[in-house]
Amino acid sequence: MKLLCAVLVGLLGLLGLSMAKDSPPMVQVYTRTPGEYGKSNTFICHVSGFHPPEITIDLLKNGVVVPEAKQTDLAFEENWFYYLTKHTVLTPNKGDVISCRVTHLGKTNSYNWESDM
């Protein structure tokens, strides 16, 4: 009985995987707290709703990749669409461009943080 259940769960998983279609990511770039120039803040790039799971995310400050940015483990929802978050602590100055660069299915797009200052 356990074997039958395991086989059924596996088949349902494969069915769900085959039903997932290519889907571009939805991207949100924001800060943990309201931004202030000259004050340290956590910058977050949250990428969701994408499939297949192969994706590259970079956080950039003035066009330069921030190497110390941390990334969560890849996770998925019931519908087999994936989500991922990358974050880092930065101190923005007036004129800085903080952005998130996402490459998925061979397409690269950049999304800039919009300051609320």
PDB file of N, CA and C in Angstrom:
ATOM      1  N   MET A   1       0.822  -1.189   0.000  1.00  0.00           N
ATOM      2  CA  MET A   1       0.000   0.000   0.000  1.00  0.00           C
ATOM      3  C   MET A   1       0.868   1.257   0.000  1.00  0.00           C
ATOM      4  N   LYS A   2       1.949   1.244   0.827  1.00  0.00           N
ATOM      5  CA  LYS A   2       2.842   2.395   0.869  1.00  0.00           C
ATOM      6  C   LYS A   2       3.496   2.616  -0.487  1.00  0.00           C
ATOM      7  N   LEU A   3       3.859   1.533  -1.149  1.00  0.00           N
ATOM      8  CA  LEU A   3       4.480   1.637  -2.464  1.00  0.00           C
ATOM      9  C   LEU A   3       3.510   2.246  -3.464  1.00  0.00           C
ATOM     10  N   LEU A   4       2.259   1.820  -3.432  1.00  0.00           N
ATOM     11  CA  LEU A   4       1.243   2.367  -4.330  1.00  0.00           C
ATOM     12  C   LEU A   4       1.066   3.863  -4.089  1.00  0.00           C
ATOM     13  N   CYS A   5       1.018   4.271  -2.836  1.00  0.00           N
ATOM     14  CA  CYS A   5       0.880   5.698  -2.503  1.00  0.00           C
ATOM     15  C   CYS A   5       2.086   6.482  -3.007  1.00  0.00           C
ATOM     16  N   ALA A   6       3.277   5.938  -2.821  1.00  0.00           N
ATOM     17  CA  ALA A   6       4.487   6.620  -3.278  1.00  0.00           C
ATOM     18  C   ALA A   6       4.478   6.785  -4.794  1.00  0.00           C
ATOM     19  N   VAL A   7       4.050   5.759  -5.513  1.00  0.00           N
ATOM     20  CA  VAL A   7       3.973   5.827  -6.976  1.00  0.00           C
ATOM     21  C   VAL A   7       2.954   6.876  -7.405  1.00  0.00           C
ATOM     22  N   LEU A   8       1.801   6.901  -6.755  1.00  0.00           N
ATOM     23  CA  LEU A   8       0.768   7.889  -7.096  1.00  0.00           C
ATOM     24  C   LEU A   8       1.243   9.313  -6.831  1.00  0.00           C
ATOM     25  N   VAL A   9       1.904   9.530  -5.712  1.00  0.00           N
ATOM     26  CA  VAL A   9       2.435  10.860  -5.404  1.00  0.00           C
ATOM     27  C   VAL A   9       3.470  11.258  -6.454  1.00  0.00           C
ATOM     28  N   GLY A  10       4.327  10.339  -6.835  1.00  0.00           N
ATOM     29  CA  GLY A  10       5.323  10.616  -7.865  1.00  0.00           C
ATOM     30  C   GLY A  10       4.694  10.968  -9.199  1.00  0.00           C
ATOM     31  N   LEU A  11       3.670  10.221  -9.592  1.00  0.00           N
ATOM     32  CA  LEU A  11       2.982  10.504 -10.855  1.00  0.00           C
ATOM     33  C   LEU A  11       2.279  11.853 -10.823  1.00  0.00           C
ATOM     34  N   LEU A  12       1.660  12.176  -9.705  1.00  0.00           N
ATOM     35  CA  LEU A  12       1.015  13.483  -9.575  1.00  0.00           C
ATOM     36  C   LEU A  12       2.043  14.603  -9.657  1.00  0.00           C
ATOM     37  N   GLY A  13       3.200  14.390  -9.063  1.00  0.00           N
ATOM     38  CA  GLY A  13       4.273  15.381  -9.148  1.00  0.00           C
ATOM     39  C   GLY A  13       4.732  15.586 -10.575  1.00  0.00           C
ATOM     40  N   LEU A  14       4.900  14.500 -11.313  1.00  0.00           N
ATOM     41  CA  LEU A  14       5.295  14.610 -12.719  1.00  0.00           C
ATOM     42  C   LEU A  14       4.217  15.282 -13.547  1.00  0.00           C
ATOM     43  N   LEU A  15       2.971  14.978 -13.261  1.00  0.00           N
ATOM     44  CA  LEU A  15       1.870  15.612 -13.971  1.00  0.00           C
ATOM     45  C   LEU A  15       1.883  17.116 -13.722  1.00  0.00           C
ATOM     46  N   GLY A  16       2.075  17.517 -12.472  1.00  0.00           N
ATOM     47  CA  GLY A  16       2.139  18.943 -12.147  1.00  0.00           C
ATOM     48  C   GLY A  16       3.305  19.615 -12.828  1.00  0.00           C
ATOM     49  N   LEU A  17       4.451  18.947 -12.870  1.00  0.00           N
ATOM     50  CA  LEU A  17       5.628  19.499 -13.516  1.00  0.00           C
ATOM     51  C   LEU A  17       5.405  19.665 -15.002  1.00  0.00           C
ATOM     52  N   SER A  18       4.746  18.693 -15.633  1.00  0.00           N
ATOM     53  CA  SER A  18       4.522  18.780 -17.072  1.00  0.00           C
ATOM     54  C   SER A  18       3.471  19.828 -17.409  1.00  0.00           C
ATOM     55  N   MET A  19       2.601  20.162 -16.447  1.00  0.00           N
ATOM     56  CA  MET A  19       1.576  21.164 -16.693  1.00  0.00           C
ATOM     57  C   MET A  19       2.125  22.584 -16.551  1.00  0.00           C
ATOM     58  N   ALA A  20       3.237  22.759 -15.838  1.00  0.00           N
ATOM     59  CA  ALA A  20       3.815  24.087 -15.668  1.00  0.00           C
ATOM     60  C   ALA A  20       4.408  24.543 -16.993  1.00  0.00           C
ATOM     61  N   LYS A  21       4.035  25.736 -17.405  1.00  0.00           N
ATOM     62  CA  LYS A  21       4.526  26.280 -18.664  1.00  0.00           C
ATOM     63  C   LYS A  21       5.603  27.309 -18.359  1.00  0.00           C
ATOM     64  N   ASP A  22       6.412  27.617 -19.383  1.00  0.00           N
ATOM     65  CA  ASP A  22       7.405  28.661 -19.205  1.00  0.00           C
ATOM     66  C   ASP A  22       6.706  29.934 -18.757  1.00  0.00           C
ATOM     67  N   SER A  23       7.227  30.528 -17.728  1.00  0.00           N
ATOM     68  CA  SER A  23       6.626  31.740 -17.183  1.00  0.00           C
ATOM     69  C   SER A  23       7.732  32.696 -16.754  1.00  0.00           C
ATOM     70  N   PRO A  24       7.684  33.947 -17.211  1.00  0.00           N
ATOM     71  CA  PRO A  24       8.711  34.911 -16.811  1.00  0.00           C
ATOM     72  C   PRO A  24       8.528  35.318 -15.348  1.00  0.00           C
ATOM     73  N   PRO A  25       9.596  35.753 -14.710  1.00  0.00           N
ATOM     74  CA  PRO A  25       9.503  36.122 -13.303  1.00  0.00           C
ATOM     75  C   PRO A  25       8.830  37.472 -13.084  1.00  0.00           C
ATOM     76  N   MET A  26       8.171  37.591 -11.945  1.00  0.00           N
ATOM     77  CA  MET A  26       7.705  38.887 -11.448  1.00  0.00           C
ATOM     78  C   MET A  26       8.780  39.344 -10.466  1.00  0.00           C
ATOM     79  N   VAL A  27       9.205  40.600 -10.574  1.00  0.00           N
ATOM     80  CA  VAL A  27      10.335  41.086  -9.784  1.00  0.00           C
ATOM     81  C   VAL A  27       9.922  42.295  -8.954  1.00  0.00           C
ATOM     82  N   GLN A  28      10.287  42.270  -7.681  1.00  0.00           N
ATOM     83  CA  GLN A  28      10.059  43.393  -6.775  1.00  0.00           C
ATOM     84  C   GLN A  28      11.399  43.773  -6.153  1.00  0.00           C
ATOM     85  N   VAL A  29      11.730  45.069  -6.192  1.00  0.00           N
ATOM     86  CA  VAL A  29      12.949  45.574  -5.563  1.00  0.00           C
ATOM     87  C   VAL A  29      12.515  46.576  -4.500  1.00  0.00           C
ATOM     88  N   TYR A  30      12.916  46.327  -3.256  1.00  0.00           N
ATOM     89  CA  TYR A  30      12.473  47.194  -2.165  1.00  0.00           C
ATOM     90  C   TYR A  30      13.478  47.135  -1.017  1.00  0.00           C
ATOM     91  N   THR A  31      13.251  47.972  -0.001  1.00  0.00           N
ATOM     92  CA  THR A  31      14.117  47.996   1.175  1.00  0.00           C
ATOM     93  C   THR A  31      13.334  47.533   2.398  1.00  0.00           C
ATOM     94  N   ARG A  32      14.080  47.072   3.391  1.00  0.00           N
ATOM     95  CA  ARG A  32      13.444  46.586   4.620  1.00  0.00           C
ATOM     96  C   ARG A  32      12.741  47.729   5.359  1.00  0.00           C
ATOM     97  N   THR A  33      13.403  48.883   5.436  1.00  0.00           N
ATOM     98  CA  THR A  33      12.814  50.057   6.082  1.00  0.00           C
ATOM     99  C   THR A  33      12.823  51.206   5.080  1.00  0.00           C
ATOM    100  N   PRO A  34      12.018  52.246   5.302  1.00  0.00           N
ATOM    101  CA  PRO A  34      12.037  53.377   4.365  1.00  0.00           C
ATOM    102  C   PRO A  34      13.465  53.901   4.182  1.00  0.00           C
ATOM    103  N   GLY A  35      13.839  54.143   2.928  1.00  0.00           N
ATOM    104  CA  GLY A  35      15.211  54.529   2.614  1.00  0.00           C
ATOM    105  C   GLY A  35      15.557  55.953   3.010  1.00  0.00           C
ATOM    106  N   GLU A  36      16.797  56.127   3.450  1.00  0.00           N
ATOM    107  CA  GLU A  36      17.348  57.453   3.724  1.00  0.00           C
ATOM    108  C   GLU A  36      18.762  57.465   3.175  1.00  0.00           C
ATOM    109  N   TYR A  37      19.103  58.539   2.444  1.00  0.00           N
ATOM    110  CA  TYR A  37      20.463  58.655   1.929  1.00  0.00           C
ATOM    111  C   TYR A  37      21.449  58.702   3.088  1.00  0.00           C
ATOM    112  N   GLY A  38      22.558  57.993   2.923  1.00  0.00           N
ATOM    113  CA  GLY A  38      23.599  57.991   3.936  1.00  0.00           C
ATOM    114  C   GLY A  38      23.342  57.044   5.100  1.00  0.00           C
ATOM    115  N   LYS A  39      22.222  56.315   5.067  1.00  0.00           N
ATOM    116  CA  LYS A  39      21.912  55.367   6.146  1.00  0.00           C
ATOM    117  C   LYS A  39      21.831  53.947   5.587  1.00  0.00           C
ATOM    118  N   SER A  40      22.432  53.024   6.305  1.00  0.00           N
ATOM    119  CA  SER A  40      22.456  51.616   5.904  1.00  0.00           C
ATOM    120  C   SER A  40      21.043  51.034   5.873  1.00  0.00           C
ATOM    121  N   ASN A  41      20.785  50.181   4.884  1.00  0.00           N
ATOM    122  CA  ASN A  41      19.475  49.551   4.752  1.00  0.00           C
ATOM    123  C   ASN A  41      19.650  48.206   4.050  1.00  0.00           C
ATOM    124  N   THR A  42      18.699  47.328   4.221  1.00  0.00           N
ATOM    125  CA  THR A  42      18.716  46.047   3.518  1.00  0.00           C
ATOM    126  C   THR A  42      17.919  46.186   2.230  1.00  0.00           C
ATOM    127  N   PHE A  43      18.581  45.921   1.116  1.00  0.00           N
ATOM    128  CA  PHE A  43      17.943  45.965  -0.199  1.00  0.00           C
ATOM    129  C   PHE A  43      17.575  44.542  -0.594  1.00  0.00           C
ATOM    130  N   ILE A  44      16.351  44.383  -1.080  1.00  0.00           N
ATOM    131  CA  ILE A  44      15.791  43.061  -1.344  1.00  0.00           C
ATOM    132  C   ILE A  44      15.300  42.985  -2.782  1.00  0.00           C
ATOM    133  N   CYS A  45      15.626  41.886  -3.446  1.00  0.00           N
ATOM    134  CA  CYS A  45      15.087  41.587  -4.775  1.00  0.00           C
ATOM    135  C   CYS A  45      14.332  40.266  -4.648  1.00  0.00           C
ATOM    136  N   HIS A  46      13.008  40.343  -4.757  1.00  0.00           N
ATOM    137  CA  HIS A  46      12.170  39.146  -4.646  1.00  0.00           C
ATOM    138  C   HIS A  46      11.651  38.795  -6.037  1.00  0.00           C
ATOM    139  N   VAL A  47      11.943  37.588  -6.471  1.00  0.00           N
ATOM    140  CA  VAL A  47      11.580  37.116  -7.809  1.00  0.00           C
ATOM    141  C   VAL A  47      10.628  35.935  -7.633  1.00  0.00           C
ATOM    142  N   SER A  48       9.465  35.989  -8.281  1.00  0.00           N
ATOM    143  CA  SER A  48       8.464  34.944  -8.066  1.00  0.00           C
ATOM    144  C   SER A  48       7.708  34.622  -9.348  1.00  0.00           C
ATOM    145  N   GLY A  49       6.991  33.493  -9.299  1.00  0.00           N
ATOM    146  CA  GLY A  49       6.097  33.109 -10.385  1.00  0.00           C
ATOM    147  C   GLY A  49       6.784  32.645 -11.649  1.00  0.00           C
ATOM    148  N   PHE A  50       8.021  32.175 -11.548  1.00  0.00           N
ATOM    149  CA  PHE A  50       8.742  31.789 -12.762  1.00  0.00           C
ATOM    150  C   PHE A  50       8.870  30.275 -12.897  1.00  0.00           C
ATOM    151  N   HIS A  51       9.039  29.852 -14.137  1.00  0.00           N
ATOM    152  CA  HIS A  51       9.267  28.449 -14.484  1.00  0.00           C
ATOM    153  C   HIS A  51       9.909  28.427 -15.859  1.00  0.00           C
ATOM    154  N   PRO A  52      10.892  27.658 -16.120  1.00  0.00           N
ATOM    155  CA  PRO A  52      11.566  26.669 -15.275  1.00  0.00           C
ATOM    156  C   PRO A  52      12.425  27.352 -14.199  1.00  0.00           C
ATOM    157  N   PRO A  53      12.990  26.555 -13.297  1.00  0.00           N
ATOM    158  CA  PRO A  53      13.677  27.128 -12.144  1.00  0.00           C
ATOM    159  C   PRO A  53      15.061  27.716 -12.417  1.00  0.00           C
ATOM    160  N   GLU A  54      15.625  27.525 -13.582  1.00  0.00           N
ATOM    161  CA  GLU A  54      16.961  28.049 -13.861  1.00  0.00           C
ATOM    162  C   GLU A  54      16.876  29.570 -13.981  1.00  0.00           C
ATOM    163  N   ILE A  55      17.551  30.270 -13.077  1.00  0.00           N
ATOM    164  CA  ILE A  55      17.483  31.729 -13.025  1.00  0.00           C
ATOM    165  C   ILE A  55      18.751  32.260 -12.368  1.00  0.00           C
ATOM    166  N   THR A  56      19.160  33.467 -12.754  1.00  0.00           N
ATOM    167  CA  THR A  56      20.296  34.140 -12.135  1.00  0.00           C
ATOM    168  C   THR A  56      19.836  35.510 -11.672  1.00  0.00           C
ATOM    169  N   ILE A  57      20.149  35.842 -10.433  1.00  0.00           N
ATOM    170  CA  ILE A  57      19.779  37.132  -9.860  1.00  0.00           C
ATOM    171  C   ILE A  57      21.044  37.808  -9.341  1.00  0.00           C
ATOM    172  N   ASP A  58      21.239  39.083  -9.701  1.00  0.00           N
ATOM    173  CA  ASP A  58      22.352  39.872  -9.188  1.00  0.00           C
ATOM    174  C   ASP A  58      21.815  41.179  -8.640  1.00  0.00           C
ATOM    175  N   LEU A  59      22.339  41.607  -7.502  1.00  0.00           N
ATOM    176  CA  LEU A  59      22.072  42.947  -6.989  1.00  0.00           C
ATOM    177  C   LEU A  59      23.255  43.818  -7.383  1.00  0.00           C
ATOM    178  N   LEU A  60      22.968  45.019  -7.879  1.00  0.00           N
ATOM    179  CA  LEU A  60      24.016  45.914  -8.351  1.00  0.00           C
ATOM    180  C   LEU A  60      23.886  47.294  -7.716  1.00  0.00           C
ATOM    181  N   LYS A  61      25.025  47.915  -7.477  1.00  0.00           N
ATOM    182  CA  LYS A  61      25.060  49.310  -7.044  1.00  0.00           C
ATOM    183  C   LYS A  61      25.871  50.056  -8.086  1.00  0.00           C
ATOM    184  N   ASN A  62      25.231  50.997  -8.760  1.00  0.00           N
ATOM    185  CA  ASN A  62      25.860  51.774  -9.830  1.00  0.00           C
ATOM    186  C   ASN A  62      26.478  50.874 -10.903  1.00  0.00           C
ATOM    187  N   GLY A  63      25.766  49.806 -11.244  1.00  0.00           N
ATOM    188  CA  GLY A  63      26.182  48.914 -12.314  1.00  0.00           C
ATOM    189  C   GLY A  63      27.205  47.864 -11.930  1.00  0.00           C
ATOM    190  N   VAL A  64      27.620  47.830 -10.673  1.00  0.00           N
ATOM    191  CA  VAL A  64      28.626  46.873 -10.208  1.00  0.00           C
ATOM    192  C   VAL A  64      27.939  45.840  -9.310  1.00  0.00           C
ATOM    193  N   VAL A  65      28.167  44.557  -9.610  1.00  0.00           N
ATOM    194  CA  VAL A  65      27.575  43.475  -8.814  1.00  0.00           C
ATOM    195  C   VAL A  65      28.067  43.560  -7.373  1.00  0.00           C
ATOM    196  N   VAL A  66      27.139  43.425  -6.438  1.00  0.00           N
ATOM    197  CA  VAL A  66      27.466  43.408  -5.008  1.00  0.00           C
ATOM    198  C   VAL A  66      27.762  41.950  -4.637  1.00  0.00           C
ATOM    199  N   PRO A  67      29.052  41.598  -4.473  1.00  0.00           N
ATOM    200  CA  PRO A  67      29.405  40.182  -4.286  1.00  0.00           C
ATOM    201  C   PRO A  67      28.939  39.576  -2.968  1.00  0.00           C
ATOM    202  N   GLU A  68      28.732  40.385  -1.943  1.00  0.00           N
ATOM    203  CA  GLU A  68      28.350  39.828  -0.646  1.00  0.00           C
ATOM    204  C   GLU A  68      26.848  39.616  -0.495  1.00  0.00           C
ATOM    205  N   ALA A  69      26.077  39.845  -1.548  1.00  0.00           N
ATOM    206  CA  ALA A  69      24.626  39.628  -1.486  1.00  0.00           C
ATOM    207  C   ALA A  69      24.330  38.155  -1.193  1.00  0.00           C
ATOM    208  N   LYS A  70      23.348  37.925  -0.364  1.00  0.00           N
ATOM    209  CA  LYS A  70      22.945  36.563   0.029  1.00  0.00           C
ATOM    210  C   LYS A  70      21.658  36.176  -0.697  1.00  0.00           C
ATOM    211  N   GLN A  71      21.531  34.893  -0.987  1.00  0.00           N
ATOM    212  CA  GLN A  71      20.360  34.393  -1.708  1.00  0.00           C
ATOM    213  C   GLN A  71      19.701  33.269  -0.920  1.00  0.00           C
ATOM    214  N   THR A  72      18.371  33.276  -0.900  1.00  0.00           N
ATOM    215  CA  THR A  72      17.632  32.197  -0.247  1.00  0.00           C
ATOM    216  C   THR A  72      17.707  30.939  -1.106  1.00  0.00           C
ATOM    217  N   ASP A  73      17.266  29.841  -0.547  1.00  0.00           N
ATOM    218  CA  ASP A  73      17.144  28.614  -1.326  1.00  0.00           C
ATOM    219  C   ASP A  73      15.948  28.738  -2.261  1.00  0.00           C
ATOM    220  N   LEU A  74      16.060  28.126  -3.415  1.00  0.00           N
ATOM    221  CA  LEU A  74      14.964  28.097  -4.377  1.00  0.00           C
ATOM    222  C   LEU A  74      13.780  27.359  -3.756  1.00  0.00           C
ATOM    223  N   ALA A  75      12.585  27.920  -3.905  1.00  0.00           N
ATOM    224  CA  ALA A  75      11.376  27.293  -3.366  1.00  0.00           C
ATOM    225  C   ALA A  75      10.291  27.327  -4.432  1.00  0.00           C
ATOM    226  N   PHE A  76       9.276  26.484  -4.264  1.00  0.00           N
ATOM    227  CA  PHE A  76       8.198  26.462  -5.251  1.00  0.00           C
ATOM    228  C   PHE A  76       6.845  26.409  -4.565  1.00  0.00           C
ATOM    229  N   GLU A  77       5.847  26.830  -5.335  1.00  0.00           N
ATOM    230  CA  GLU A  77       4.469  26.830  -4.865  1.00  0.00           C
ATOM    231  C   GLU A  77       3.772  25.572  -5.370  1.00  0.00           C
ATOM    232  N   GLU A  78       2.522  25.377  -4.983  1.00  0.00           N
ATOM    233  CA  GLU A  78       1.761  24.188  -5.384  1.00  0.00           C
ATOM    234  C   GLU A  78       1.685  24.022  -6.901  1.00  0.00           C
ATOM    235  N   ASN A  79       1.684  25.134  -7.618  1.00  0.00           N
ATOM    236  CA  ASN A  79       1.531  25.099  -9.075  1.00  0.00           C
ATOM    237  C   ASN A  79       2.864  24.924  -9.813  1.00  0.00           C
ATOM    238  N   TRP A  80       3.940  24.648  -9.101  1.00  0.00           N
ATOM    239  CA  TRP A  80       5.269  24.421  -9.650  1.00  0.00           C
ATOM    240  C   TRP A  80       5.925  25.687 -10.184  1.00  0.00           C
ATOM    241  N   PHE A  81       5.419  26.850  -9.794  1.00  0.00           N
ATOM    242  CA  PHE A  81       6.119  28.085 -10.108  1.00  0.00           C
ATOM    243  C   PHE A  81       7.041  28.387  -8.931  1.00  0.00           C
ATOM    244  N   TYR A  82       8.192  28.965  -9.230  1.00  0.00           N
ATOM    245  CA  TYR A  82       9.253  29.117  -8.245  1.00  0.00           C
ATOM    246  C   TYR A  82       9.365  30.546  -7.734  1.00  0.00           C
ATOM    247  N   TYR A  83      10.045  30.691  -6.586  1.00  0.00           N
ATOM    248  CA  TYR A  83      10.370  32.018  -6.070  1.00  0.00           C
ATOM    249  C   TYR A  83      11.720  31.971  -5.362  1.00  0.00           C
ATOM    250  N   LEU A  84      12.351  33.152  -5.313  1.00  0.00           N
ATOM    251  CA  LEU A  84      13.708  33.268  -4.808  1.00  0.00           C
ATOM    252  C   LEU A  84      13.913  34.713  -4.365  1.00  0.00           C
ATOM    253  N   THR A  85      14.723  34.924  -3.344  1.00  0.00           N
ATOM    254  CA  THR A  85      14.997  36.274  -2.856  1.00  0.00           C
ATOM    255  C   THR A  85      16.496  36.457  -2.667  1.00  0.00           C
ATOM    256  N   LYS A  86      16.978  37.632  -3.072  1.00  0.00           N
ATOM    257  CA  LYS A  86      18.380  37.987  -2.854  1.00  0.00           C
ATOM    258  C   LYS A  86      18.396  39.310  -2.100  1.00  0.00           C
ATOM    259  N   HIS A  87      19.326  39.456  -1.149  1.00  0.00           N
ATOM    260  CA  HIS A  87      19.355  40.682  -0.349  1.00  0.00           C
ATOM    261  C   HIS A  87      20.776  41.034   0.056  1.00  0.00           C
ATOM    262  N   THR A  88      20.969  42.306   0.370  1.00  0.00           N
ATOM    263  CA  THR A  88      22.259  42.776   0.855  1.00  0.00           C
ATOM    264  C   THR A  88      22.068  44.084   1.599  1.00  0.00           C
ATOM    265  N   VAL A  89      23.024  44.422   2.436  1.00  0.00           N
ATOM    266  CA  VAL A  89      23.001  45.693   3.154  1.00  0.00           C
ATOM    267  C   VAL A  89      23.859  46.687   2.379  1.00  0.00           C
ATOM    268  N   LEU A  90      23.275  47.851   2.082  1.00  0.00           N
ATOM    269  CA  LEU A  90      23.974  48.916   1.363  1.00  0.00           C
ATOM    270  C   LEU A  90      23.641  50.254   2.004  1.00  0.00           C
ATOM    271  N   THR A  91      24.487  51.229   1.762  1.00  0.00           N
ATOM    272  CA  THR A  91      24.218  52.601   2.178  1.00  0.00           C
ATOM    273  C   THR A  91      24.053  53.431   0.908  1.00  0.00           C
ATOM    274  N   PRO A  92      22.821  53.806   0.579  1.00  0.00           N
ATOM    275  CA  PRO A  92      22.602  54.566  -0.653  1.00  0.00           C
ATOM    276  C   PRO A  92      22.953  56.047  -0.475  1.00  0.00           C
ATOM    277  N   ASN A  93      23.547  56.618  -1.497  1.00  0.00           N
ATOM    278  CA  ASN A  93      23.809  58.045  -1.542  1.00  0.00           C
ATOM    279  C   ASN A  93      23.014  58.633  -2.690  1.00  0.00           C
ATOM    280  N   LYS A  94      22.734  59.922  -2.613  1.00  0.00           N
ATOM    281  CA  LYS A  94      21.966  60.575  -3.669  1.00  0.00           C
ATOM    282  C   LYS A  94      22.670  60.338  -5.005  1.00  0.00           C
ATOM    283  N   GLY A  95      21.910  59.897  -6.002  1.00  0.00           N
ATOM    284  CA  GLY A  95      22.465  59.624  -7.327  1.00  0.00           C
ATOM    285  C   GLY A  95      22.836  58.169  -7.558  1.00  0.00           C
ATOM    286  N   ASP A  96      22.906  57.365  -6.493  1.00  0.00           N
ATOM    287  CA  ASP A  96      23.205  55.938  -6.658  1.00  0.00           C
ATOM    288  C   ASP A  96      22.043  55.236  -7.358  1.00  0.00           C
ATOM    289  N   VAL A  97      22.387  54.238  -8.155  1.00  0.00           N
ATOM    290  CA  VAL A  97      21.372  53.400  -8.795  1.00  0.00           C
ATOM    291  C   VAL A  97      21.531  51.990  -8.228  1.00  0.00           C
ATOM    292  N   ILE A  98      20.532  51.563  -7.477  1.00  0.00           N
ATOM    293  CA  ILE A  98      20.507  50.207  -6.921  1.00  0.00           C
ATOM    294  C   ILE A  98      19.550  49.402  -7.794  1.00  0.00           C
ATOM    295  N   SER A  99      20.024  48.273  -8.306  1.00  0.00           N
ATOM    296  CA  SER A  99      19.174  47.507  -9.221  1.00  0.00           C
ATOM    297  C   SER A  99      19.325  46.011  -9.006  1.00  0.00           C
ATOM    298  N   CYS A 100      18.369  45.312  -9.569  1.00  0.00           N
ATOM    299  CA  CYS A 100      18.339  43.854  -9.541  1.00  0.00           C
ATOM    300  C   CYS A 100      18.330  43.387 -10.994  1.00  0.00           C
ATOM    301  N   ARG A 101      19.315  42.575 -11.352  1.00  0.00           N
ATOM    302  CA  ARG A 101      19.407  42.047 -12.721  1.00  0.00           C
ATOM    303  C   ARG A 101      19.000  40.576 -12.690  1.00  0.00           C
ATOM    304  N   VAL A 102      18.017  40.232 -13.525  1.00  0.00           N
ATOM    305  CA  VAL A 102      17.461  38.882 -13.537  1.00  0.00           C
ATOM    306  C   VAL A 102      17.613  38.291 -14.935  1.00  0.00           C
ATOM    307  N   THR A 103      18.198  37.090 -15.004  1.00  0.00           N
ATOM    308  CA  THR A 103      18.323  36.370 -16.270  1.00  0.00           C
ATOM    309  C   THR A 103      17.524  35.080 -16.166  1.00  0.00           C
ATOM    310  N   HIS A 104      16.553  34.932 -17.087  1.00  0.00           N
ATOM    311  CA  HIS A 104      15.682  33.757 -17.095  1.00  0.00           C
ATOM    312  C   HIS A 104      15.317  33.447 -18.537  1.00  0.00           C
ATOM    313  N   LEU A 105      15.428  32.196 -18.924  1.00  0.00           N
ATOM    314  CA  LEU A 105      15.136  31.746 -20.292  1.00  0.00           C
ATOM    315  C   LEU A 105      15.917  32.559 -21.324  1.00  0.00           C
ATOM    316  N   GLY A 106      17.165  32.895 -20.980  1.00  0.00           N
ATOM    317  CA  GLY A 106      18.038  33.609 -21.902  1.00  0.00           C
ATOM    318  C   GLY A 106      17.773  35.097 -22.025  1.00  0.00           C
ATOM    319  N   LYS A 107      16.820  35.622 -21.271  1.00  0.00           N
ATOM    320  CA  LYS A 107      16.504  37.055 -21.316  1.00  0.00           C
ATOM    321  C   LYS A 107      16.965  37.707 -20.020  1.00  0.00           C
ATOM    322  N   THR A 108      17.645  38.841 -20.157  1.00  0.00           N
ATOM    323  CA  THR A 108      18.119  39.579 -18.993  1.00  0.00           C
ATOM    324  C   THR A 108      17.387  40.908 -18.903  1.00  0.00           C
ATOM    325  N   ASN A 109      16.860  41.202 -17.722  1.00  0.00           N
ATOM    326  CA  ASN A 109      16.190  42.480 -17.458  1.00  0.00           C
ATOM    327  C   ASN A 109      16.718  43.049 -16.153  1.00  0.00           C
ATOM    328  N   SER A 110      16.769  44.378 -16.082  1.00  0.00           N
ATOM    329  CA  SER A 110      17.174  45.062 -14.856  1.00  0.00           C
ATOM    330  C   SER A 110      15.996  45.838 -14.298  1.00  0.00           C
ATOM    331  N   TYR A 111      15.903  45.845 -12.971  1.00  0.00           N
ATOM    332  CA  TYR A 111      14.822  46.520 -12.266  1.00  0.00           C
ATOM    333  C   TYR A 111      15.459  47.422 -11.219  1.00  0.00           C
ATOM    334  N   ASN A 112      15.200  48.724 -11.304  1.00  0.00           N
ATOM    335  CA  ASN A 112      15.810  49.680 -10.384  1.00  0.00           C
ATOM    336  C   ASN A 112      14.962  49.877  -9.139  1.00  0.00           C
ATOM    337  N   TRP A 113      15.658  50.070  -8.031  1.00  0.00           N
ATOM    338  CA  TRP A 113      14.992  50.442  -6.786  1.00  0.00           C
ATOM    339  C   TRP A 113      14.527  51.876  -6.926  1.00  0.00           C
ATOM    340  N   GLU A 114      13.283  52.109  -6.588  1.00  0.00           N
ATOM    341  CA  GLU A 114      12.711  53.456  -6.631  1.00  0.00           C
ATOM    342  C   GLU A 114      12.743  54.023  -5.220  1.00  0.00           C
ATOM    343  N   SER A 115      13.565  55.028  -5.033  1.00  0.00           N
ATOM    344  CA  SER A 115      13.691  55.655  -3.724  1.00  0.00           C
ATOM    345  C   SER A 115      12.398  56.351  -3.331  1.00  0.00           C
ATOM    346  N   ASP A 116      12.045  56.241  -2.061  1.00  0.00           N
ATOM    347  CA  ASP A 116      10.876  56.958  -1.572  1.00  0.00           C
ATOM    348  C   ASP A 116      11.299  58.233  -0.843  1.00  0.00           C
ATOM    349  N   MET A 117      12.526  58.674  -1.123  1.00  0.00           N
ATOM    350  CA  MET A 117      13.041  59.887  -0.483  1.00  0.00           C
ATOM    351  C   MET A 117      12.775  61.092  -1.352  1.00  0.00           C
TER     352      MET A 117
END
